[in-house]
Amino acid sequence: GLTEPEAGSDAGNARTRATENGGTWTINGAKQFITNAGTDITGHVAIT
């Protein structure tokens, strides 16, 4: 998961944010145009 509504060709402009709290990260945001993320056999997505 790389591409976002505001971060396509400008991939460094990611808005999805992860904040740390005592060994846990809380992630908020959105990705788009992601391949293989929603099948019955999908195991994970690696995101920026």
All heavy atoms as atom14 arrays in JSON, in Angstrom:
{
  "sequence": "GLTEPEAGSDAGNARTRATENGGTWTINGAKQFITNAGTDITGHVAIT",
  "atom14_mask": [
    [1, 1, 1, 1, 0, 0, 0, 0, 0, 0, 0, 0, 0, 0],
    [1, 1, 1, 1, 1, 1, 1, 1, 0, 0, 0, 0, 0, 0],
    [1, 1, 1, 1, 1, 1, 1, 0, 0, 0, 0, 0, 0, 0],
    [1, 1, 1, 1, 1, 1, 1, 1, 1, 0, 0, 0, 0, 0],
    [1, 1, 1, 1, 1, 1, 1, 0, 0, 0, 0, 0, 0, 0],
    [1, 1, 1, 1, 1, 1, 1, 1, 1, 0, 0, 0, 0, 0],
    [1, 1, 1, 1, 1, 0, 0, 0, 0, 0, 0, 0, 0, 0],
    [1, 1, 1, 1, 0, 0, 0, 0, 0, 0, 0, 0, 0, 0],
    [1, 1, 1, 1, 1, 1, 0, 0, 0, 0, 0, 0, 0, 0],
    [1, 1, 1, 1, 1, 1, 1, 1, 0, 0, 0, 0, 0, 0],
    [1, 1, 1, 1, 1, 0, 0, 0, 0, 0, 0, 0, 0, 0],
    [1, 1, 1, 1, 0, 0, 0, 0, 0, 0, 0, 0, 0, 0],
    [1, 1, 1, 1, 1, 1, 1, 1, 0, 0, 0, 0, 0, 0],
    [1, 1, 1, 1, 1, 0, 0, 0, 0, 0, 0, 0, 0, 0],
    [1, 1, 1, 1, 1, 1, 1, 1, 1, 1, 1, 0, 0, 0],
    [1, 1, 1, 1, 1, 1, 1, 0, 0, 0, 0, 0, 0, 0],
    [1, 1, 1, 1, 1, 1, 1, 1, 1, 1, 1, 0, 0, 0],
    [1, 1, 1, 1, 1, 0, 0, 0, 0, 0, 0, 0, 0, 0],
    [1, 1, 1, 1, 1, 1, 1, 0, 0, 0, 0, 0, 0, 0],
    [1, 1, 1, 1, 1, 1, 1, 1, 1, 0, 0, 0, 0, 0],
    [1, 1, 1, 1, 1, 1, 1, 1, 0, 0, 0, 0, 0, 0],
    [1, 1, 1, 1, 0, 0, 0, 0, 0, 0, 0, 0, 0, 0],
    [1, 1, 1, 1, 0, 0, 0, 0, 0, 0, 0, 0, 0, 0],
    [1, 1, 1, 1, 1, 1, 1, 0, 0, 0, 0, 0, 0, 0],
    [1, 1, 1, 1, 1, 1, 1, 1, 1, 1, 1, 1, 1, 1],
    [1, 1, 1, 1, 1, 1, 1, 0, 0, 0, 0, 0, 0, 0],
    [1, 1, 1, 1, 1, 1, 1, 1, 0, 0, 0, 0, 0, 0],
    [1, 1, 1, 1, 1, 1, 1, 1, 0, 0, 0, 0, 0, 0],
    [1, 1, 1, 1, 0, 0, 0, 0, 0, 0, 0, 0, 0, 0],
    [1, 1, 1, 1, 1, 0, 0, 0, 0, 0, 0, 0, 0, 0],
    [1, 1, 1, 1, 1, 1, 1, 1, 1, 0, 0, 0, 0, 0],
    [1, 1, 1, 1, 1, 1, 1, 1, 1, 0, 0, 0, 0, 0],
    [1, 1, 1, 1, 1, 1, 1, 1, 1, 1, 1, 0, 0, 0],
    [1, 1, 1, 1, 1, 1, 1, 1, 0, 0, 0, 0, 0, 0],
    [1, 1, 1, 1, 1, 1, 1, 0, 0, 0, 0, 0, 0, 0],
    [1, 1, 1, 1, 1, 1, 1, 1, 0, 0, 0, 0, 0, 0],
    [1, 1, 1, 1, 1, 0, 0, 0, 0, 0, 0, 0, 0, 0],
    [1, 1, 1, 1, 0, 0, 0, 0, 0, 0, 0, 0, 0, 0],
    [1, 1, 1, 1, 1, 1, 1, 0, 0, 0, 0, 0, 0, 0],
    [1, 1, 1, 1, 1, 1, 1, 1, 0, 0, 0, 0, 0, 0],
    [1, 1, 1, 1, 1, 1, 1, 1, 0, 0, 0, 0, 0, 0],
    [1, 1, 1, 1, 1, 1, 1, 0, 0, 0, 0, 0, 0, 0],
    [1, 1, 1, 1, 0, 0, 0, 0, 0, 0, 0, 0, 0, 0],
    [1, 1, 1, 1, 1, 1, 1, 1, 1, 1, 0, 0, 0, 0],
    [1, 1, 1, 1, 1, 1, 1, 0, 0, 0, 0, 0, 0, 0],
    [1, 1, 1, 1, 1, 0, 0, 0, 0, 0, 0, 0, 0, 0],
    [1, 1, 1, 1, 1, 1, 1, 1, 0, 0, 0, 0, 0, 0],
    [1, 1, 1, 1, 1, 1, 1, 0, 0, 0, 0, 0, 0, 0]
  ],
  "atom14_positions": [
    [[0.82, -1.21, 0.0], [0.0, 0.0, 0.0], [0.85, 1.25, 0.0], [1.34, 1.69, 1.05], [0.0, 0.0, 0.0], [0.0, 0.0, 0.0], [0.0, 0.0, 0.0], [0.0, 0.0, 0.0], [0.0, 0.0, 0.0], [0.0, 0.0, 0.0], [0.0, 0.0, 0.0], [0.0, 0.0, 0.0], [0.0, 0.0, 0.0], [0.0, 0.0, 0.0]],
    [[1.02, 1.84, -1.17], [1.81, 3.07, -1.33], [0.93, 4.23, -1.77], [0.91, 5.29, -1.15], [2.93, 2.84, -2.34], [3.73, 4.06, -2.79], [4.46, 4.69, -1.6], [4.72, 3.68, -3.88], [0.0, 0.0, 0.0], [0.0, 0.0, 0.0], [0.0, 0.0, 0.0], [0.0, 0.0, 0.0], [0.0, 0.0, 0.0], [0.0, 0.0, 0.0]],
    [[0.2, 4.04, -2.87], [-0.54, 5.14, -3.5], [-1.69, 5.61, -2.61], [-2.42, 4.81, -2.01], [-1.09, 4.71, -4.86], [-0.01, 4.23, -5.66], [-1.78, 5.87, -5.57], [0.0, 0.0, 0.0], [0.0, 0.0, 0.0], [0.0, 0.0, 0.0], [0.0, 0.0, 0.0], [0.0, 0.0, 0.0], [0.0, 0.0, 0.0], [0.0, 0.0, 0.0]],
    [[-1.87, 6.93, -2.56], [-2.96, 7.56, -1.81], [-3.63, 8.61, -2.7], [-3.09, 8.96, -3.76], [-2.41, 8.23, -0.54], [-1.73, 7.28, 0.43], [-1.26, 8.0, 1.7], [-1.57, 9.2, 1.85], [-0.59, 7.35, 2.52], [0.0, 0.0, 0.0], [0.0, 0.0, 0.0], [0.0, 0.0, 0.0], [0.0, 0.0, 0.0], [0.0, 0.0, 0.0]],
    [[-4.77, 9.12, -2.28], [-5.43, 10.18, -3.07], [-4.53, 11.37, -3.36], [-4.63, 11.99, -4.42], [-6.62, 10.58, -2.18], [-6.95, 9.33, -1.42], [-5.63, 8.68, -1.15], [0.0, 0.0, 0.0], [0.0, 0.0, 0.0], [0.0, 0.0, 0.0], [0.0, 0.0, 0.0], [0.0, 0.0, 0.0], [0.0, 0.0, 0.0], [0.0, 0.0, 0.0]],
    [[-3.62, 11.72, -2.44], [-2.73, 12.85, -2.64], [-1.27, 12.43, -2.83], [-0.37, 13.25, -2.79], [-2.82, 13.81, -1.43], [-4.2, 14.37, -1.18], [-4.69, 15.25, -2.34], [-3.86, 15.92, -2.98], [-5.9, 15.24, -2.6], [0.0, 0.0, 0.0], [0.0, 0.0, 0.0], [0.0, 0.0, 0.0], [0.0, 0.0, 0.0], [0.0, 0.0, 0.0]],
    [[-1.04, 11.14, -3.01], [0.33, 10.65, -3.13], [0.36, 9.52, -4.15], [0.31, 8.35, -3.8], [0.84, 10.16, -1.78], [0.0, 0.0, 0.0], [0.0, 0.0, 0.0], [0.0, 0.0, 0.0], [0.0, 0.0, 0.0], [0.0, 0.0, 0.0], [0.0, 0.0, 0.0], [0.0, 0.0, 0.0], [0.0, 0.0, 0.0], [0.0, 0.0, 0.0]],
    [[0.42, 9.92, -5.43], [0.56, 8.94, -6.51], [1.97, 9.01, -7.04], [2.9, 8.41, -6.51], [0.0, 0.0, 0.0], [0.0, 0.0, 0.0], [0.0, 0.0, 0.0], [0.0, 0.0, 0.0], [0.0, 0.0, 0.0], [0.0, 0.0, 0.0], [0.0, 0.0, 0.0], [0.0, 0.0, 0.0], [0.0, 0.0, 0.0], [0.0, 0.0, 0.0]],
    [[2.16, 9.82, -8.09], [3.52, 10.04, -8.58], [4.37, 10.72, -7.51], [5.56, 10.46, -7.39], [3.49, 10.89, -9.85], [2.85, 10.2, -10.9], [0.0, 0.0, 0.0], [0.0, 0.0, 0.0], [0.0, 0.0, 0.0], [0.0, 0.0, 0.0], [0.0, 0.0, 0.0], [0.0, 0.0, 0.0], [0.0, 0.0, 0.0], [0.0, 0.0, 0.0]],
    [[3.75, 11.58, -6.71], [4.44, 12.22, -5.58], [4.29, 11.34, -4.36], [3.63, 11.68, -3.38], [3.83, 13.61, -5.35], [4.53, 14.37, -4.23], [5.65, 13.95, -3.83], [3.97, 15.37, -3.75], [0.0, 0.0, 0.0], [0.0, 0.0, 0.0], [0.0, 0.0, 0.0], [0.0, 0.0, 0.0], [0.0, 0.0, 0.0], [0.0, 0.0, 0.0]],
    [[4.91, 10.15, -4.43], [4.68, 9.13, -3.41], [5.19, 9.55, -2.03], [4.73, 9.04, -1.01], [5.34, 7.83, -3.83], [0.0, 0.0, 0.0], [0.0, 0.0, 0.0], [0.0, 0.0, 0.0], [0.0, 0.0, 0.0], [0.0, 0.0, 0.0], [0.0, 0.0, 0.0], [0.0, 0.0, 0.0], [0.0, 0.0, 0.0], [0.0, 0.0, 0.0]],
    [[6.12, 10.47, -1.99], [6.63, 10.93, -0.7], [5.66, 11.8, 0.06], [5.91, 12.15, 1.22], [0.0, 0.0, 0.0], [0.0, 0.0, 0.0], [0.0, 0.0, 0.0], [0.0, 0.0, 0.0], [0.0, 0.0, 0.0], [0.0, 0.0, 0.0], [0.0, 0.0, 0.0], [0.0, 0.0, 0.0], [0.0, 0.0, 0.0], [0.0, 0.0, 0.0]],
    [[4.55, 12.15, -0.58], [3.57, 13.03, 0.06], [2.5, 12.22, 0.8], [1.34, 12.63, 0.86], [2.91, 13.93, -1.0], [2.09, 15.04, -0.39], [2.46, 15.61, 0.65], [0.97, 15.38, -1.03], [0.0, 0.0, 0.0], [0.0, 0.0, 0.0], [0.0, 0.0, 0.0], [0.0, 0.0, 0.0], [0.0, 0.0, 0.0], [0.0, 0.0, 0.0]],
    [[2.87, 11.09, 1.33], [1.92, 10.22, 2.03], [1.28, 10.95, 3.2], [1.95, 11.66, 3.96], [2.63, 8.96, 2.51], [0.0, 0.0, 0.0], [0.0, 0.0, 0.0], [0.0, 0.0, 0.0], [0.0, 0.0, 0.0], [0.0, 0.0, 0.0], [0.0, 0.0, 0.0], [0.0, 0.0, 0.0], [0.0, 0.0, 0.0], [0.0, 0.0, 0.0]],
    [[-0.05, 10.78, 3.34], [-0.79, 11.4, 4.44], [-1.16, 10.38, 5.53], [-1.53, 10.77, 6.63], [-2.06, 12.06, 3.91], [-1.8, 13.13, 2.84], [-1.08, 14.33, 3.4], [-0.82, 15.34, 2.38], [-1.68, 16.29, 2.01], [-2.88, 16.34, 2.57], [-1.36, 17.17, 1.08], [0.0, 0.0, 0.0], [0.0, 0.0, 0.0], [0.0, 0.0, 0.0]],
    [[-1.13, 9.1, 5.18], [-1.4, 8.08, 6.19], [-0.38, 8.25, 7.32], [0.82, 8.38, 7.07], [-1.3, 6.67, 5.59], [-2.31, 6.52, 4.6], [-1.46, 5.6, 6.64], [0.0, 0.0, 0.0], [0.0, 0.0, 0.0], [0.0, 0.0, 0.0], [0.0, 0.0, 0.0], [0.0, 0.0, 0.0], [0.0, 0.0, 0.0], [0.0, 0.0, 0.0]],
    [[-0.86, 8.24, 8.54], [0.01, 8.55, 9.68], [-0.04, 7.43, 10.7], [-1.09, 6.83, 10.96], [-0.42, 9.87, 10.32], [0.45, 10.31, 11.49], [0.16, 11.73, 11.9], [0.61, 12.68, 10.89], [1.85, 13.16, 10.82], [2.77, 12.77, 11.69], [2.17, 14.02, 9.89], [0.0, 0.0, 0.0], [0.0, 0.0, 0.0], [0.0, 0.0, 0.0]],
    [[1.12, 7.14, 11.28], [1.22, 6.17, 12.38], [1.82, 6.88, 13.59], [2.87, 7.51, 13.5], [2.09, 4.99, 11.97], [0.0, 0.0, 0.0], [0.0, 0.0, 0.0], [0.0, 0.0, 0.0], [0.0, 0.0, 0.0], [0.0, 0.0, 0.0], [0.0, 0.0, 0.0], [0.0, 0.0, 0.0], [0.0, 0.0, 0.0], [0.0, 0.0, 0.0]],
    [[1.13, 6.78, 14.72], [1.6, 7.42, 15.95], [1.9, 6.34, 16.99], [1.16, 5.37, 17.14], [0.56, 8.4, 16.51], [-0.69, 7.71, 16.7], [0.33, 9.54, 15.54], [0.0, 0.0, 0.0], [0.0, 0.0, 0.0], [0.0, 0.0, 0.0], [0.0, 0.0, 0.0], [0.0, 0.0, 0.0], [0.0, 0.0, 0.0], [0.0, 0.0, 0.0]],
    [[2.98, 6.54, 17.72], [3.45, 5.53, 18.67], [2.92, 5.8, 20.07], [2.82, 6.95, 20.52], [4.98, 5.53, 18.7], [5.58, 4.42, 19.53], [7.09, 4.46, 19.52], [7.67, 5.5, 19.14], [7.71, 3.43, 19.9], [0.0, 0.0, 0.0], [0.0, 0.0, 0.0], [0.0, 0.0, 0.0], [0.0, 0.0, 0.0], [0.0, 0.0, 0.0]],
    [[2.57, 4.7, 20.75], [2.09, 4.83, 22.12], [2.45, 3.56, 22.89], [1.72, 2.57, 22.85], [0.57, 5.06, 22.16], [0.06, 5.27, 23.58], [0.83, 5.54, 24.49], [-1.25, 5.11, 23.76], [0.0, 0.0, 0.0], [0.0, 0.0, 0.0], [0.0, 0.0, 0.0], [0.0, 0.0, 0.0], [0.0, 0.0, 0.0], [0.0, 0.0, 0.0]],
    [[3.61, 3.59, 23.53], [4.01, 2.47, 24.37], [4.16, 1.15, 23.66], [3.59, 0.15, 24.1], [0.0, 0.0, 0.0], [0.0, 0.0, 0.0], [0.0, 0.0, 0.0], [0.0, 0.0, 0.0], [0.0, 0.0, 0.0], [0.0, 0.0, 0.0], [0.0, 0.0, 0.0], [0.0, 0.0, 0.0], [0.0, 0.0, 0.0], [0.0, 0.0, 0.0]],
    [[4.88, 1.13, 22.56], [5.12, -0.12, 21.85], [4.05, -0.51, 20.85], [4.13, -1.56, 20.23], [0.0, 0.0, 0.0], [0.0, 0.0, 0.0], [0.0, 0.0, 0.0], [0.0, 0.0, 0.0], [0.0, 0.0, 0.0], [0.0, 0.0, 0.0], [0.0, 0.0, 0.0], [0.0, 0.0, 0.0], [0.0, 0.0, 0.0], [0.0, 0.0, 0.0]],
    [[3.04, 0.35, 20.71], [1.96, 0.12, 19.75], [1.85, 1.31, 18.82], [2.01, 2.46, 19.25], [0.62, -0.11, 20.48], [0.72, -1.27, 21.3], [-0.51, -0.33, 19.47], [0.0, 0.0, 0.0], [0.0, 0.0, 0.0], [0.0, 0.0, 0.0], [0.0, 0.0, 0.0], [0.0, 0.0, 0.0], [0.0, 0.0, 0.0], [0.0, 0.0, 0.0]],
    [[1.58, 1.04, 17.56], [1.41, 2.09, 16.57], [-0.06, 2.16, 16.15], [-0.67, 1.12, 15.85], [2.28, 1.84, 15.34], [3.75, 1.97, 15.63], [4.58, 1.0, 16.09], [4.53, 3.15, 15.49], [5.85, 1.49, 16.25], [5.86, 2.81, 15.87], [4.27, 4.45, 15.06], [6.9, 3.73, 15.85], [5.31, 5.36, 15.04], [6.6, 5.0, 15.43]],
    [[-0.6, 3.36, 16.13], [-1.98, 3.57, 15.7], [-1.96, 4.24, 14.33], [-1.39, 5.31, 14.16], [-2.75, 4.45, 16.69], [-2.74, 3.83, 17.98], [-4.2, 4.62, 16.24], [0.0, 0.0, 0.0], [0.0, 0.0, 0.0], [0.0, 0.0, 0.0], [0.0, 0.0, 0.0], [0.0, 0.0, 0.0], [0.0, 0.0, 0.0], [0.0, 0.0, 0.0]],
    [[-2.57, 3.58, 13.36], [-2.51, 4.02, 11.96], [-3.86, 4.56, 11.52], [-4.9, 3.94, 11.74], [-2.11, 2.84, 11.04], [-0.76, 2.26, 11.49], [-2.05, 3.28, 9.59], [-0.39, 0.97, 10.78], [0.0, 0.0, 0.0], [0.0, 0.0, 0.0], [0.0, 0.0, 0.0], [0.0, 0.0, 0.0], [0.0, 0.0, 0.0], [0.0, 0.0, 0.0]],
    [[-3.82, 5.74, 10.89], [-5.01, 6.33, 10.29], [-4.67, 6.85, 8.91], [-3.63, 7.49, 8.7], [-5.53, 7.49, 11.16], [-6.22, 7.02, 12.42], [-7.39, 6.62, 12.4], [-5.5, 7.05, 13.53], [0.0, 0.0, 0.0], [0.0, 0.0, 0.0], [0.0, 0.0, 0.0], [0.0, 0.0, 0.0], [0.0, 0.0, 0.0], [0.0, 0.0, 0.0]],
    [[-5.55, 6.56, 7.95], [-5.3, 7.03, 6.6], [-6.01, 6.18, 5.57], [-6.91, 5.38, 5.89], [0.0, 0.0, 0.0], [0.0, 0.0, 0.0], [0.0, 0.0, 0.0], [0.0, 0.0, 0.0], [0.0, 0.0, 0.0], [0.0, 0.0, 0.0], [0.0, 0.0, 0.0], [0.0, 0.0, 0.0], [0.0, 0.0, 0.0], [0.0, 0.0, 0.0]],
    [[-5.61, 6.34, 4.32], [-6.25, 5.62, 3.21], [-5.23, 5.37, 2.11], [-4.3, 6.15, 1.9], [-7.43, 6.42, 2.67], [0.0, 0.0, 0.0], [0.0, 0.0, 0.0], [0.0, 0.0, 0.0], [0.0, 0.0, 0.0], [0.0, 0.0, 0.0], [0.0, 0.0, 0.0], [0.0, 0.0, 0.0], [0.0, 0.0, 0.0], [0.0, 0.0, 0.0]],
    [[-5.42, 4.26, 1.41], [-4.63, 3.92, 0.24], [-5.58, 3.64, -0.92], [-6.75, 3.31, -0.7], [-3.76, 2.68, 0.5], [-2.79, 2.82, 1.68], [-1.68, 3.82, 1.39], [-0.71, 3.92, 2.56], [0.42, 4.85, 2.28], [0.0, 0.0, 0.0], [0.0, 0.0, 0.0], [0.0, 0.0, 0.0], [0.0, 0.0, 0.0], [0.0, 0.0, 0.0]],
    [[-5.09, 3.76, -2.14], [-5.95, 3.48, -3.29], [-5.16, 2.76, -4.39], [-3.94, 2.79, -4.4], [-6.57, 4.76, -3.84], [-5.58, 5.76, -4.42], [-6.27, 7.03, -4.91], [-7.42, 7.29, -4.59], [-5.57, 7.81, -5.72], [0.0, 0.0, 0.0], [0.0, 0.0, 0.0], [0.0, 0.0, 0.0], [0.0, 0.0, 0.0], [0.0, 0.0, 0.0]],
    [[-5.93, 2.11, -5.27], [-5.36, 1.35, -6.4], [-4.44, 0.22, -5.92], [-3.41, -0.05, -6.53], [-4.58, 2.26, -7.35], [-5.33, 3.48, -7.81], [-4.67, 4.69, -7.98], [-6.69, 3.42, -8.08], [-5.37, 5.82, -8.4], [-7.38, 4.56, -8.51], [-6.72, 5.74, -8.67], [0.0, 0.0, 0.0], [0.0, 0.0, 0.0], [0.0, 0.0, 0.0]],
    [[-4.82, -0.47, -4.85], [-3.98, -1.5, -4.28], [-4.38, -2.87, -4.82], [-5.54, -3.27, -4.76], [-4.05, -1.5, -2.74], [-3.81, -0.08, -2.21], [-3.04, -2.48, -2.17], [-2.52, 0.57, -2.67], [0.0, 0.0, 0.0], [0.0, 0.0, 0.0], [0.0, 0.0, 0.0], [0.0, 0.0, 0.0], [0.0, 0.0, 0.0], [0.0, 0.0, 0.0]],
    [[-3.4, -3.61, -5.35], [-3.62, -4.91, -5.97], [-3.43, -6.04, -4.97], [-2.5, -6.02, -4.17], [-2.65, -5.09, -7.15], [-2.79, -4.01, -8.07], [-2.91, -6.4, -7.88], [0.0, 0.0, 0.0], [0.0, 0.0, 0.0], [0.0, 0.0, 0.0], [0.0, 0.0, 0.0], [0.0, 0.0, 0.0], [0.0, 0.0, 0.0], [0.0, 0.0, 0.0]],
    [[-4.34, -7.01, -5.02], [-4.29, -8.25, -4.22], [-4.6, -8.05, -2.75], [-4.38, -8.98, -1.96], [-2.91, -8.93, -4.34], [-2.65, -9.53, -5.7], [-3.58, -9.77, -6.46], [-1.39, -9.79, -6.01], [0.0, 0.0, 0.0], [0.0, 0.0, 0.0], [0.0, 0.0, 0.0], [0.0, 0.0, 0.0], [0.0, 0.0, 0.0], [0.0, 0.0, 0.0]],
    [[-5.15, -6.91, -2.36], [-5.37, -6.66, -0.93], [-6.67, -7.26, -0.41], [-6.81, -7.47, 0.8], [-5.36, -5.16, -0.64], [0.0, 0.0, 0.0], [0.0, 0.0, 0.0], [0.0, 0.0, 0.0], [0.0, 0.0, 0.0], [0.0, 0.0, 0.0], [0.0, 0.0, 0.0], [0.0, 0.0, 0.0], [0.0, 0.0, 0.0], [0.0, 0.0, 0.0]],
    [[-7.63, -7.55, -1.3], [-8.95, -7.94, -0.82], [-9.42, -9.31, -1.23], [-10.62, -9.59, -1.21], [0.0, 0.0, 0.0], [0.0, 0.0, 0.0], [0.0, 0.0, 0.0], [0.0, 0.0, 0.0], [0.0, 0.0, 0.0], [0.0, 0.0, 0.0], [0.0, 0.0, 0.0], [0.0, 0.0, 0.0], [0.0, 0.0, 0.0], [0.0, 0.0, 0.0]],
    [[-8.51, -10.22, -1.57], [-8.91, -11.56, -1.96], [-9.14, -12.44, -0.73], [-8.76, -12.08, 0.39], [-7.85, -12.23, -2.86], [-6.75, -12.66, -2.05], [-7.35, -11.27, -3.92], [0.0, 0.0, 0.0], [0.0, 0.0, 0.0], [0.0, 0.0, 0.0], [0.0, 0.0, 0.0], [0.0, 0.0, 0.0], [0.0, 0.0, 0.0], [0.0, 0.0, 0.0]],
    [[-9.71, -13.6, -0.95], [-9.96, -14.53, 0.15], [-8.67, -15.12, 0.71], [-8.69, -15.7, 1.81], [-10.87, -15.67, -0.33], [-12.27, -15.2, -0.69], [-12.64, -14.08, -0.29], [-12.98, -15.96, -1.38], [0.0, 0.0, 0.0], [0.0, 0.0, 0.0], [0.0, 0.0, 0.0], [0.0, 0.0, 0.0], [0.0, 0.0, 0.0], [0.0, 0.0, 0.0]],
    [[-7.58, -15.02, -0.05], [-6.32, -15.61, 0.41], [-5.27, -14.55, 0.73], [-4.11, -14.87, 0.96], [-5.76, -16.61, -0.63], [-5.57, -15.95, -1.99], [-6.66, -17.83, -0.74], [-4.88, -16.85, -3.01], [0.0, 0.0, 0.0], [0.0, 0.0, 0.0], [0.0, 0.0, 0.0], [0.0, 0.0, 0.0], [0.0, 0.0, 0.0], [0.0, 0.0, 0.0]],
    [[-5.67, -13.27, 0.74], [-4.72, -12.21, 1.09], [-4.35, -12.32, 2.57], [-5.22, -12.47, 3.43], [-5.32, -10.82, 0.82], [-5.65, -10.72, -0.57], [-4.34, -9.73, 1.18], [0.0, 0.0, 0.0], [0.0, 0.0, 0.0], [0.0, 0.0, 0.0], [0.0, 0.0, 0.0], [0.0, 0.0, 0.0], [0.0, 0.0, 0.0], [0.0, 0.0, 0.0]],
    [[-3.05, -12.24, 2.86], [-2.6, -12.35, 4.24], [-2.28, -11.03, 4.9], [-2.53, -10.83, 6.09], [0.0, 0.0, 0.0], [0.0, 0.0, 0.0], [0.0, 0.0, 0.0], [0.0, 0.0, 0.0], [0.0, 0.0, 0.0], [0.0, 0.0, 0.0], [0.0, 0.0, 0.0], [0.0, 0.0, 0.0], [0.0, 0.0, 0.0], [0.0, 0.0, 0.0]],
    [[-1.73, -10.1, 4.12], [-1.31, -8.82, 4.72], [-1.16, -7.76, 3.64], [-1.12, -8.08, 2.45], [0.03, -8.98, 5.44], [1.2, -9.01, 4.49], [1.61, -10.15, 3.82], [2.04, -8.02, 4.05], [2.63, -9.87, 3.04], [2.92, -8.58, 3.16], [0.0, 0.0, 0.0], [0.0, 0.0, 0.0], [0.0, 0.0, 0.0], [0.0, 0.0, 0.0]],
    [[-1.05, -6.53, 4.09], [-0.61, -5.44, 3.23], [0.54, -4.74, 3.97], [0.49, -4.55, 5.19], [-1.75, -4.44, 2.92], [-2.29, -3.79, 4.19], [-1.28, -3.36, 1.95], [0.0, 0.0, 0.0], [0.0, 0.0, 0.0], [0.0, 0.0, 0.0], [0.0, 0.0, 0.0], [0.0, 0.0, 0.0], [0.0, 0.0, 0.0], [0.0, 0.0, 0.0]],
    [[1.6, -4.42, 3.25], [2.69, -3.61, 3.79], [2.45, -2.19, 3.32], [2.3, -1.94, 2.12], [4.04, -4.12, 3.31], [0.0, 0.0, 0.0], [0.0, 0.0, 0.0], [0.0, 0.0, 0.0], [0.0, 0.0, 0.0], [0.0, 0.0, 0.0], [0.0, 0.0, 0.0], [0.0, 0.0, 0.0], [0.0, 0.0, 0.0], [0.0, 0.0, 0.0]],
    [[2.37, -1.25, 4.25], [2.01, 0.12, 3.89], [3.08, 1.12, 4.33], [3.85, 0.87, 5.25], [0.66, 0.53, 4.52], [0.77, 0.61, 6.05], [-0.45, -0.42, 4.1], [-0.39, 1.34, 6.7], [0.0, 0.0, 0.0], [0.0, 0.0, 0.0], [0.0, 0.0, 0.0], [0.0, 0.0, 0.0], [0.0, 0.0, 0.0], [0.0, 0.0, 0.0]],
    [[3.09, 2.25, 3.62], [3.91, 3.38, 4.03], [3.06, 4.29, 4.91], [1.89, 4.53, 4.63], [4.4, 4.18, 2.81], [3.27, 4.6, 2.04], [5.3, 3.33, 1.94], [0.0, 0.0, 0.0], [0.0, 0.0, 0.0], [0.0, 0.0, 0.0], [0.0, 0.0, 0.0], [0.0, 0.0, 0.0], [0.0, 0.0, 0.0], [0.0, 0.0, 0.0]]
  ]
}
